[in-house]
């Protein structure tokens, strides 16, 4: 069974930084695109950033220039470096990944990690 486990969330003041990690474990043949999403109270889950296995990245406009997504394919881990945090970045952050365990890739999600930015 594949699991994605996030870590690194917490409470930070506006202007501060946090680094989130998401490690995939289990019987994994490969992981294609991985991503970070977030969901604030009363809002829908939204894309933050994605990264392909080759390193191509995509960001939501709201985080461009402040957040950086990266990955370590050898460790099956994706990271999200968040700088210049704003109160509106407060949300539960989820990672996901298209994981191949046999033949067909399947989308897996982590359980989420809370990020709270105080003003």
Protein backbone atom coordinates (compact mmCIF):
# COMPACT_ATOMS: atom_id res chain seq x y z
CA UNK A 1 0.00 0.00 0.00
CA UNK A 2 1.36 3.40 -0.98
CA UNK A 3 1.34 6.22 1.57
CA UNK A 4 2.19 9.88 1.21
CA UNK A 5 3.09 11.57 4.48
CA UNK A 6 3.48 15.33 4.82
CA UNK A 7 5.53 17.11 7.46
CA UNK A 8 6.82 20.58 8.21
CA UNK A 9 3.64 22.51 8.84
CA UNK A 10 3.18 24.82 11.79
CA UNK A 11 2.57 28.35 13.00
CA UNK A 12 4.65 31.19 11.59
CA UNK A 13 4.43 34.97 11.55
CA UNK A 14 3.71 36.86 8.37
CA UNK A 15 6.88 37.27 6.35
CA UNK A 16 8.34 34.05 7.69
CA UNK A 17 9.21 30.78 5.98
CA UNK A 18 8.32 27.12 6.22
CA UNK A 19 9.44 24.05 4.32
CA UNK A 20 7.00 21.24 3.75
CA UNK A 21 8.04 17.70 2.87
CA UNK A 22 6.02 14.82 1.50
CA UNK A 23 7.50 11.34 1.37
CA UNK A 24 5.95 8.46 -0.53
CA UNK A 25 6.45 4.92 0.73
CA UNK A 26 5.40 1.44 -0.32
CA UNK A 27 6.04 -0.64 -3.40
CA UNK A 28 6.71 2.09 -5.96
CA UNK A 29 7.94 1.63 -9.50
CA UNK A 30 7.86 5.32 -10.28
CA UNK A 31 6.16 8.61 -9.56
CA UNK A 32 5.13 11.01 -12.29
CA UNK A 33 3.81 14.45 -11.45
CA UNK A 34 3.70 15.40 -7.79
CA UNK A 35 1.96 18.42 -6.40
CA UNK A 36 0.92 20.53 -3.48
CA UNK A 37 -2.64 21.72 -2.92
CA UNK A 38 -4.22 23.64 -0.08
CA UNK A 39 -7.62 24.11 1.43
CA UNK A 40 -8.57 27.02 3.64
CA UNK A 41 -11.65 26.91 5.89
CA UNK A 42 -14.82 27.34 3.87
CA UNK A 43 -12.97 27.22 0.56
CA UNK A 44 -12.34 24.62 -2.10
CA UNK A 45 -9.04 22.83 -2.39
CA UNK A 46 -6.77 24.69 -4.79
CA UNK A 47 -3.57 24.03 -6.67
CA UNK A 48 -0.39 25.48 -5.19
CA UNK A 49 2.33 23.94 -7.34
CA UNK A 50 3.19 20.84 -9.34
CA UNK A 51 6.42 19.28 -10.55
CA UNK A 52 6.95 16.56 -13.13
CA UNK A 53 9.44 13.73 -12.81
CA UNK A 54 11.69 15.69 -15.14
CA UNK A 55 11.56 18.79 -12.97
CA UNK A 56 9.14 21.02 -14.88
CA UNK A 57 7.16 23.18 -12.49
CA UNK A 58 3.87 25.01 -12.42
CA UNK A 59 2.66 27.49 -9.80
CA UNK A 60 -0.53 29.22 -8.84
CA UNK A 61 -0.29 32.95 -9.50
CA UNK A 62 -0.82 33.67 -5.82
CA UNK A 63 2.43 31.94 -4.82
CA UNK A 64 4.72 32.69 -7.77
CA UNK A 65 7.97 34.22 -6.62
CA UNK A 66 7.39 33.16 -3.00
CA UNK A 67 7.06 29.36 -3.08
CA UNK A 68 9.40 26.83 -4.67
CA UNK A 69 8.54 23.20 -5.35
CA UNK A 70 11.29 20.61 -5.72
CA UNK A 71 11.67 16.86 -5.51
CA UNK A 72 14.19 14.14 -4.79
CA UNK A 73 13.31 11.22 -7.03
CA UNK A 74 15.70 8.86 -5.24
CA UNK A 75 13.81 9.51 -2.00
CA UNK A 76 10.32 9.69 -3.55
CA UNK A 77 9.94 13.02 -1.80
CA UNK A 78 8.55 16.37 -2.85
CA UNK A 79 9.21 19.65 -1.03
CA UNK A 80 7.57 23.04 -0.86
CA UNK A 81 9.71 25.95 0.29
CA UNK A 82 7.40 28.76 1.33
CA UNK A 83 8.87 32.23 1.84
CA UNK A 84 7.30 35.62 2.53
CA UNK A 85 4.26 33.92 3.97
CA UNK A 86 1.01 35.84 4.24
CA UNK A 87 -2.03 35.26 6.46
CA UNK A 88 -3.97 34.26 3.35
CA UNK A 89 -1.60 31.30 2.94
CA UNK A 90 -3.18 29.77 6.03
CA UNK A 91 -4.64 26.39 5.05
CA UNK A 92 -4.24 22.66 5.26
CA UNK A 93 -1.63 21.70 2.70
CA UNK A 94 -1.91 18.37 0.90
CA UNK A 95 0.55 16.64 -1.38
CA UNK A 96 -0.32 14.21 -4.12
CA UNK A 97 1.45 12.09 -6.65
CA UNK A 98 0.75 9.88 -9.65
CA UNK A 99 2.33 6.67 -8.41
CA UNK A 100 2.94 3.56 -10.48
CA UNK A 101 2.80 0.41 -8.36
CA UNK A 102 2.07 -2.13 -11.08
CA UNK A 103 1.11 -0.91 -14.54
CA UNK A 104 -1.29 2.01 -14.34
CA UNK A 105 -0.43 5.19 -12.43
CA UNK A 106 -2.84 6.07 -9.67
CA UNK A 107 -3.28 9.34 -7.81
CA UNK A 108 -2.50 9.22 -4.12
CA UNK A 109 -2.99 11.96 -1.53
CA UNK A 110 -1.38 12.68 1.79
CA UNK A 111 -3.32 13.37 4.96
CA UNK A 112 -2.51 17.08 5.04
CA UNK A 113 -0.47 19.36 7.26
CA UNK A 114 -1.71 22.60 8.81
CA UNK A 115 0.03 25.87 7.98
CA UNK A 116 -1.04 28.90 9.98
CA UNK A 117 0.34 32.36 9.27
CA UNK A 118 -0.33 35.01 11.89
CA UNK A 119 -0.48 38.71 11.06
